[in-house]
Amino acid sequence: MLCSREVMNFFIRKDVKRFLKRKDSDASDRGKRLEDIRASLFNELRTADGAKRVQQRICGPTVALSFNFLVSVGIILMNKLVLGKVGFNFPILLTFIHYSLSWLLMAIMNMFSLLPASPPAKSSRLLTLLALGIVMSFSTGLANVSLKYNSVGFYQMAKIAVTPTIVLAEFLLFKKLVSFQKVLALTIVSIGVAVATVTDLEFQLFGALISLAWIIPSAINKILWSNLQQHESWTALALMWKTTPMTLFFLVALMPWLDPPGVLSFNWNFANTFVIFLSAVLGFLLQWSGALALGATSAISHVVLGQFKTCVVLLGGFLLFNSNPGVLSILGAIIALGAYACQ
């Protein structure tokens, strides 16, 4: 009883009461500051210009390119697993599943007011968004078809051709010129990647034709994503939210032409469905990270990042897992990385 009274007397002392009151006040101030920061962030997301500033502040070139680099490696390996070992031989449907999950996730974000605002609609902008939706469906869909019918090495070789296509397209569309030093570095990078992957060039005629058909949509897709974010008030998520429904529509139109019949007879067990779901999650992250990278850098930087990734994967396998791609491949990868560092 005496002990309890002493404890009570301690807590009712003036200095102790002042200390506790100050602690409560500090906690209240911290809570208020956090609430102010959250309110400020939500207010910025409600306007297109504010959302763009938030994206630029949080996700600079280094963060965006690193994010996209990690996801790109994962999605190529995962899609090879889905189309190969799992036996899901429907690349356009797989792309449709990817974009459907992306749209669902963005719809949930929109429901909770977490999706950045879009710029006001204009007729010219609507035509640009329609064009972007079309090239997105062809670019991503044909990429998965190419992965199904060709080796990863041939797929990467086709990506090399995207670089000069982007340079030519940006010159024709925007009169954008590339310096001689950059052209030289891009040429050396492309040659190095070609040498690095020359030992893995398994393909079928149909797959090779698909790869050729994929080059132009892929280049235009990257240019539009970069241009809309850098010269207008679009953010990556807002642009994804506007263009994904159009992409889904055109993917449905592509399915009868590029996917084989028999999707209903596929073994939709838990393991297969779970792997496809993981592929779709990576697909959303790839689309988002790619859009962030294109908004923070340029179309050429993004495609060169893909070539850099090829060389890193090849050298990483040699150094960490004792794979033996051959002296020529290793030399090509080193040359490409050296030219990449000099850009």
Protein backbone atom coordinates (compact mmCIF):
# COMPACT_ATOMS: atom_id res chain seq x y z
CA MET A 1 0.00 0.00 0.00
CA LEU A 2 2.84 2.35 0.91
CA CYS A 3 4.59 1.52 -2.35
CA SER A 4 1.45 2.35 -4.36
CA ARG A 5 1.11 5.72 -2.62
CA GLU A 6 4.75 6.56 -3.40
CA VAL A 7 4.24 5.74 -7.06
CA MET A 8 1.16 7.97 -7.18
CA ASN A 9 3.02 10.80 -5.48
CA PHE A 10 5.82 10.50 -8.06
CA PHE A 11 3.43 10.88 -11.01
CA ILE A 12 1.60 13.89 -9.55
CA ARG A 13 4.81 15.85 -8.98
CA LYS A 14 4.86 19.04 -11.06
CA ASP A 15 8.12 18.33 -12.84
CA VAL A 16 6.97 14.82 -13.82
CA LYS A 17 3.64 16.15 -15.06
CA ARG A 18 5.43 18.77 -17.14
CA PHE A 19 7.72 16.07 -18.60
CA LEU A 20 4.77 13.83 -19.54
CA LYS A 21 2.90 16.77 -20.99
CA ARG A 22 5.92 17.71 -23.10
CA LYS A 23 6.19 14.10 -24.35
CA ASP A 24 2.51 14.14 -25.33
CA SER A 25 3.03 17.48 -27.07
CA ASP A 26 6.06 16.17 -29.00
CA ALA A 27 4.13 13.08 -30.11
CA SER A 28 1.24 15.30 -31.18
CA ASP A 29 3.60 17.56 -33.16
CA ARG A 30 5.18 14.58 -34.92
CA GLY A 31 1.75 13.22 -35.78
CA LYS A 32 0.69 16.61 -37.11
CA ARG A 33 3.83 16.91 -39.24
CA LEU A 34 3.26 13.44 -40.71
CA GLU A 35 -0.36 14.33 -41.42
CA ASP A 36 0.73 17.57 -43.12
CA ILE A 37 3.24 15.67 -45.29
CA ARG A 38 0.61 13.12 -46.27
CA ALA A 39 -1.94 15.83 -47.04
CA SER A 40 0.62 17.73 -49.12
CA LEU A 41 1.48 14.58 -51.08
CA PHE A 42 -2.18 13.80 -51.78
CA ASN A 43 -2.79 17.40 -52.86
CA GLU A 44 0.11 17.20 -55.31
CA LEU A 45 -1.21 13.93 -56.76
CA ARG A 46 -4.56 15.61 -57.50
CA THR A 47 -3.01 17.79 -60.22
CA ALA A 48 -1.06 16.58 -63.25
CA ASP A 49 1.78 19.06 -62.74
CA GLY A 50 2.03 18.25 -59.03
CA ALA A 51 2.06 14.50 -59.69
CA LYS A 52 4.81 14.98 -62.26
CA ARG A 53 6.90 16.90 -59.71
CA VAL A 54 6.43 14.09 -57.17
CA GLN A 55 7.57 11.49 -59.73
CA GLN A 56 10.63 13.55 -60.68
CA ARG A 57 11.50 14.13 -57.02
CA ILE A 58 11.18 10.49 -55.94
CA CYS A 59 12.28 8.63 -59.06
CA GLY A 60 15.30 10.11 -60.79
CA PRO A 61 17.25 8.50 -63.65
CA THR A 62 19.39 6.25 -61.42
CA VAL A 63 16.44 4.89 -59.43
CA ALA A 64 14.26 4.42 -62.53
CA LEU A 65 16.95 2.65 -64.58
CA SER A 66 17.97 0.41 -61.66
CA PHE A 67 14.34 -0.53 -60.99
CA ASN A 68 13.76 -1.34 -64.66
CA PHE A 69 17.03 -3.28 -64.92
CA LEU A 70 16.11 -5.64 -62.05
CA VAL A 71 12.55 -6.22 -63.25
CA SER A 72 13.61 -6.78 -66.88
CA VAL A 73 15.91 -9.65 -65.97
CA GLY A 74 13.17 -11.27 -63.90
CA ILE A 75 10.42 -10.94 -66.53
CA ILE A 76 12.48 -12.48 -69.36
CA LEU A 77 13.37 -15.52 -67.25
CA MET A 78 9.81 -15.79 -65.88
CA ASN A 79 8.18 -15.56 -69.31
CA LYS A 80 10.58 -18.20 -70.65
CA LEU A 81 9.47 -20.40 -67.74
CA VAL A 82 5.77 -19.78 -68.45
CA LEU A 83 6.04 -20.29 -72.22
CA GLY A 84 8.49 -23.20 -71.91
CA LYS A 85 8.36 -25.43 -68.82
CA VAL A 86 4.82 -24.52 -67.79
CA GLY A 87 3.70 -25.02 -71.39
CA PHE A 88 1.45 -21.95 -71.60
CA ASN A 89 1.80 -21.54 -75.37
CA PHE A 90 -0.37 -18.43 -75.64
CA PRO A 91 1.96 -15.38 -75.64
CA ILE A 92 -0.70 -12.81 -76.60
CA LEU A 93 -3.06 -14.11 -73.90
CA LEU A 94 -0.17 -13.96 -71.44
CA THR A 95 0.35 -10.31 -72.37
CA PHE A 96 -3.40 -9.74 -71.97
CA ILE A 97 -3.24 -11.24 -68.46
CA HIS A 98 -0.30 -8.93 -67.63
CA TYR A 99 -2.15 -5.80 -68.71
CA SER A 100 -5.41 -6.95 -67.09
CA LEU A 101 -3.68 -7.29 -63.71
CA SER A 102 -2.00 -3.92 -64.26
CA TRP A 103 -5.38 -2.30 -64.93
CA LEU A 104 -6.90 -3.99 -61.86
CA LEU A 105 -4.08 -2.77 -59.60
CA MET A 106 -4.39 0.76 -60.97
CA ALA A 107 -8.18 0.65 -60.52
CA ILE A 108 -7.64 -0.19 -56.84
CA MET A 109 -5.17 2.69 -56.55
CA ASN A 110 -7.69 4.99 -58.22
CA MET A 111 -10.38 3.85 -55.78
CA PHE A 112 -8.22 5.00 -52.85
CA SER A 113 -7.19 8.25 -54.64
CA LEU A 114 -3.59 7.07 -54.99
CA LEU A 115 -3.47 7.34 -58.78
CA PRO A 116 -1.85 10.55 -60.11
CA ALA A 117 -4.08 12.97 -62.00
CA SER A 118 -4.05 13.11 -65.80
CA PRO A 119 -3.64 16.30 -67.87
CA PRO A 120 -6.79 17.85 -69.41
CA ALA A 121 -7.99 16.05 -72.54
CA LYS A 122 -7.26 17.46 -76.00
CA SER A 123 -8.16 16.00 -79.40
CA SER A 124 -4.52 15.77 -80.53
CA ARG A 125 -3.54 14.16 -77.23
CA LEU A 126 -6.34 11.59 -77.56
CA LEU A 127 -5.00 10.59 -80.97
CA THR A 128 -1.51 10.25 -79.48
CA LEU A 129 -2.87 8.09 -76.65
CA LEU A 130 -4.69 5.90 -79.19
CA ALA A 131 -1.47 5.48 -81.17
CA LEU A 132 0.40 4.63 -77.97
CA GLY A 133 -2.23 2.03 -77.03
CA ILE A 134 -1.87 0.38 -80.44
CA VAL A 135 1.94 0.25 -80.47
CA MET A 136 1.97 -0.96 -76.85
CA SER A 137 -0.17 -3.96 -77.75
CA PHE A 138 2.03 -4.83 -80.73
CA SER A 139 5.30 -4.13 -78.92
CA THR A 140 4.61 -6.22 -75.82
CA GLY A 141 2.57 -8.91 -77.55
CA LEU A 142 5.07 -9.51 -80.35
CA ALA A 143 7.93 -9.51 -77.82
CA ASN A 144 6.35 -12.48 -76.01
CA VAL A 145 5.69 -14.26 -79.32
CA SER A 146 9.35 -13.72 -80.22
CA LEU A 147 10.42 -15.19 -76.87
CA LYS A 148 8.28 -18.25 -77.54
CA TYR A 149 9.72 -19.06 -80.97
CA ASN A 150 13.30 -17.77 -80.57
CA SER A 151 16.13 -18.19 -78.09
CA VAL A 152 16.84 -15.43 -75.57
CA GLY A 153 20.00 -14.60 -77.52
CA PHE A 154 18.11 -14.04 -80.78
CA TYR A 155 15.53 -11.99 -78.90
CA GLN A 156 18.34 -9.77 -77.60
CA MET A 157 19.82 -9.54 -81.10
CA ALA A 158 16.49 -8.21 -82.39
CA LYS A 159 16.58 -5.56 -79.66
CA ILE A 160 19.89 -4.28 -81.07
CA ALA A 161 18.05 -3.22 -84.22
CA VAL A 162 15.72 -1.04 -82.11
CA THR A 163 18.59 1.40 -81.38
CA PRO A 164 19.17 2.67 -84.96
CA THR A 165 15.40 2.60 -85.51
CA ILE A 166 14.91 5.00 -82.57
CA VAL A 167 17.67 7.31 -83.83
CA LEU A 168 16.07 7.41 -87.31
CA ALA A 169 12.51 7.83 -86.00
CA GLU A 170 13.45 10.67 -83.62
CA PHE A 171 15.19 12.45 -86.50
CA LEU A 172 12.16 12.06 -88.79
CA LEU A 173 9.58 13.00 -86.13
CA PHE A 174 11.40 15.62 -84.03
CA LYS A 175 14.51 16.51 -86.09
CA LYS A 176 16.58 15.27 -83.16
CA LEU A 177 20.26 14.74 -83.97
CA VAL A 178 22.71 12.46 -82.17
CA SER A 179 26.34 13.50 -81.71
CA PHE A 180 29.09 11.58 -83.52
CA GLN A 181 30.58 10.48 -80.18
CA LYS A 182 27.26 8.99 -79.09
CA VAL A 183 26.73 7.28 -82.46
CA LEU A 184 30.20 5.74 -82.17
CA ALA A 185 29.52 4.53 -78.61
CA LEU A 186 26.12 3.09 -79.61
CA THR A 187 27.70 1.29 -82.56
CA ILE A 188 30.40 -0.28 -80.36
CA VAL A 189 27.79 -1.29 -77.76
CA SER A 190 25.65 -2.93 -80.45
CA ILE A 191 28.63 -4.78 -81.96
CA GLY A 192 29.74 -5.93 -78.51
CA VAL A 193 26.26 -7.25 -77.66
CA ALA A 194 26.06 -8.97 -81.05
CA VAL A 195 29.39 -10.71 -80.44
CA ALA A 196 28.34 -11.63 -76.90
CA THR A 197 25.12 -13.33 -78.01
CA VAL A 198 26.24 -14.81 -81.34
CA THR A 199 26.55 -18.30 -79.79
CA ASP A 200 22.83 -18.37 -78.89
CA LEU A 201 20.92 -17.70 -82.08
CA GLU A 202 18.27 -20.41 -82.21
CA PHE A 203 15.17 -19.28 -84.10
CA GLN A 204 12.41 -20.36 -86.44
CA LEU A 205 11.42 -18.53 -89.62
CA PHE A 206 8.09 -17.48 -88.13
CA GLY A 207 9.87 -16.28 -84.97
CA ALA A 208 12.39 -14.29 -87.02
CA LEU A 209 9.57 -12.59 -88.96
CA ILE A 210 7.82 -11.75 -85.69
CA SER A 211 11.05 -10.22 -84.36
CA LEU A 212 11.37 -8.05 -87.46
CA ALA A 213 7.74 -6.95 -87.15
CA TRP A 214 8.33 -6.09 -83.48
CA ILE A 215 11.21 -3.64 -84.05
CA ILE A 216 9.25 -0.61 -85.33
CA PRO A 217 6.39 -0.76 -82.75
CA SER A 218 8.97 -1.19 -79.99
CA ALA A 219 10.90 1.91 -81.11
CA ILE A 220 7.77 4.06 -81.52
CA ASN A 221 6.46 2.85 -78.16
CA LYS A 222 9.60 4.01 -76.34
CA ILE A 223 9.67 7.35 -78.15
CA LEU A 224 6.03 8.15 -77.32
CA TRP A 225 6.38 7.16 -73.66
CA SER A 226 9.45 9.36 -73.28
CA ASN A 227 8.08 12.32 -75.24
CA LEU A 228 4.69 12.47 -73.49
CA GLN A 229 6.25 12.44 -70.02
CA GLN A 230 9.08 14.87 -70.74
CA HIS A 231 7.18 17.47 -72.78
CA GLU A 232 3.72 17.20 -71.22
CA SER A 233 2.38 16.78 -67.69
CA TRP A 234 2.01 13.00 -67.81
CA THR A 235 3.29 10.65 -65.12
CA ALA A 236 4.02 6.96 -65.68
CA LEU A 237 0.97 5.65 -63.78
CA ALA A 238 -1.43 8.22 -65.24
CA LEU A 239 -0.32 7.35 -68.77
CA MET A 240 -0.59 3.62 -68.02
CA TRP A 241 -4.12 4.15 -66.65
CA LYS A 242 -5.26 5.94 -69.81
CA THR A 243 -3.66 3.63 -72.38
CA THR A 244 -4.11 0.16 -70.83
CA PRO A 245 -7.82 -0.25 -71.84
CA MET A 246 -6.92 0.49 -75.49
CA THR A 247 -4.01 -1.93 -75.30
CA LEU A 248 -6.29 -4.67 -73.95
CA PHE A 249 -8.73 -4.10 -76.82
CA PHE A 250 -6.04 -4.51 -79.50
CA LEU A 251 -4.54 -7.54 -77.72
CA VAL A 252 -7.94 -9.26 -77.97
CA ALA A 253 -7.89 -8.53 -81.71
CA LEU A 254 -4.40 -10.07 -82.02
CA MET A 255 -5.22 -13.32 -80.16
CA PRO A 256 -6.96 -15.19 -83.03
CA TRP A 257 -4.04 -14.40 -85.36
CA LEU A 258 -1.00 -15.10 -83.19
CA ASP A 259 -2.17 -17.48 -80.43
CA PRO A 260 -2.82 -21.18 -81.14
CA PRO A 261 -6.19 -22.73 -80.20
CA GLY A 262 -6.65 -24.80 -77.05
CA VAL A 263 -6.46 -22.32 -74.17
CA LEU A 264 -9.41 -23.99 -72.41
CA SER A 265 -7.60 -27.34 -72.45
CA PHE A 266 -4.58 -25.89 -70.63
CA ASN A 267 -3.96 -27.41 -67.20
CA TRP A 268 -5.02 -24.52 -64.93
CA ASN A 269 -3.79 -26.14 -61.71
CA PHE A 270 -2.62 -24.09 -58.72
CA ALA A 271 1.10 -24.29 -59.54
CA ASN A 272 0.68 -23.21 -63.18
CA THR A 273 -1.78 -20.46 -62.29
CA PHE A 274 0.50 -19.15 -59.55
CA VAL A 275 3.50 -18.95 -61.92
CA ILE A 276 1.36 -17.09 -64.48
CA PHE A 277 0.18 -14.74 -61.72
CA LEU A 278 3.79 -14.02 -60.68
CA SER A 279 4.58 -13.33 -64.33
CA ALA A 280 1.68 -10.85 -64.43
CA VAL A 281 2.95 -9.08 -61.29
CA LEU A 282 6.38 -8.74 -62.90
CA GLY A 283 4.62 -7.57 -66.07
CA PHE A 284 3.02 -4.69 -64.15
CA LEU A 285 6.34 -3.79 -62.53
CA LEU A 286 8.07 -3.95 -65.92
CA GLN A 287 5.52 -1.64 -67.52
CA TRP A 288 5.72 0.80 -64.61
CA SER A 289 9.52 0.75 -64.29
CA GLY A 290 9.94 1.06 -68.05
CA ALA A 291 7.63 4.08 -68.13
CA LEU A 292 9.52 5.67 -65.22
CA ALA A 293 12.86 5.08 -66.96
CA LEU A 294 11.62 6.54 -70.24
CA GLY A 295 10.22 9.57 -68.43
CA ALA A 296 13.46 10.15 -66.53
CA THR A 297 15.89 9.53 -69.41
CA SER A 298 15.28 8.92 -73.13
CA ALA A 299 14.24 6.19 -75.55
CA ILE A 300 17.86 5.52 -76.55
CA SER A 301 19.02 5.31 -72.93
CA HIS A 302 16.29 2.79 -72.19
CA VAL A 303 17.13 0.49 -75.09
CA VAL A 304 20.86 0.69 -74.31
CA LEU A 305 19.97 -0.31 -70.74
CA GLY A 306 18.49 -3.49 -72.20
CA GLN A 307 21.74 -4.24 -73.99
CA PHE A 308 23.70 -3.49 -70.81
CA LYS A 309 21.47 -5.97 -68.98
CA THR A 310 22.27 -8.67 -71.55
CA CYS A 311 26.00 -8.27 -70.97
CA VAL A 312 25.65 -8.18 -67.18
CA VAL A 313 23.58 -11.39 -67.19
CA LEU A 314 26.15 -13.11 -69.43
CA LEU A 315 29.16 -12.01 -67.33
CA GLY A 316 27.28 -12.68 -64.09
CA GLY A 317 26.63 -16.26 -65.15
CA PHE A 318 30.31 -16.68 -66.00
CA LEU A 319 31.63 -15.16 -62.74
CA LEU A 320 29.04 -16.48 -60.27
CA PHE A 321 27.79 -19.76 -61.73
CA ASN A 322 30.81 -20.98 -63.74
CA SER A 323 28.90 -20.93 -67.02
CA ASN A 324 31.10 -21.00 -70.12
CA PRO A 325 29.66 -18.80 -72.88
CA GLY A 326 33.01 -18.77 -74.67
CA VAL A 327 35.92 -16.34 -74.89
CA LEU A 328 34.36 -14.46 -77.82
CA SER A 329 31.11 -13.85 -75.96
CA ILE A 330 32.92 -12.65 -72.84
CA LEU A 331 35.09 -10.33 -74.94
CA GLY A 332 32.02 -8.92 -76.69
CA ALA A 333 30.29 -8.28 -73.36
CA ILE A 334 33.37 -6.49 -71.97
CA ILE A 335 33.62 -4.32 -75.11
CA ALA A 336 29.92 -3.42 -74.87
CA LEU A 337 30.19 -2.53 -71.17
CA GLY A 338 33.27 -0.41 -71.86
CA ALA A 339 31.48 1.52 -74.60
CA TYR A 340 28.43 1.88 -72.35
CA ALA A 341 30.61 3.43 -69.63
CA CYS A 342 32.05 5.94 -72.11
CA GLN A 343 28.67 7.34 -73.14
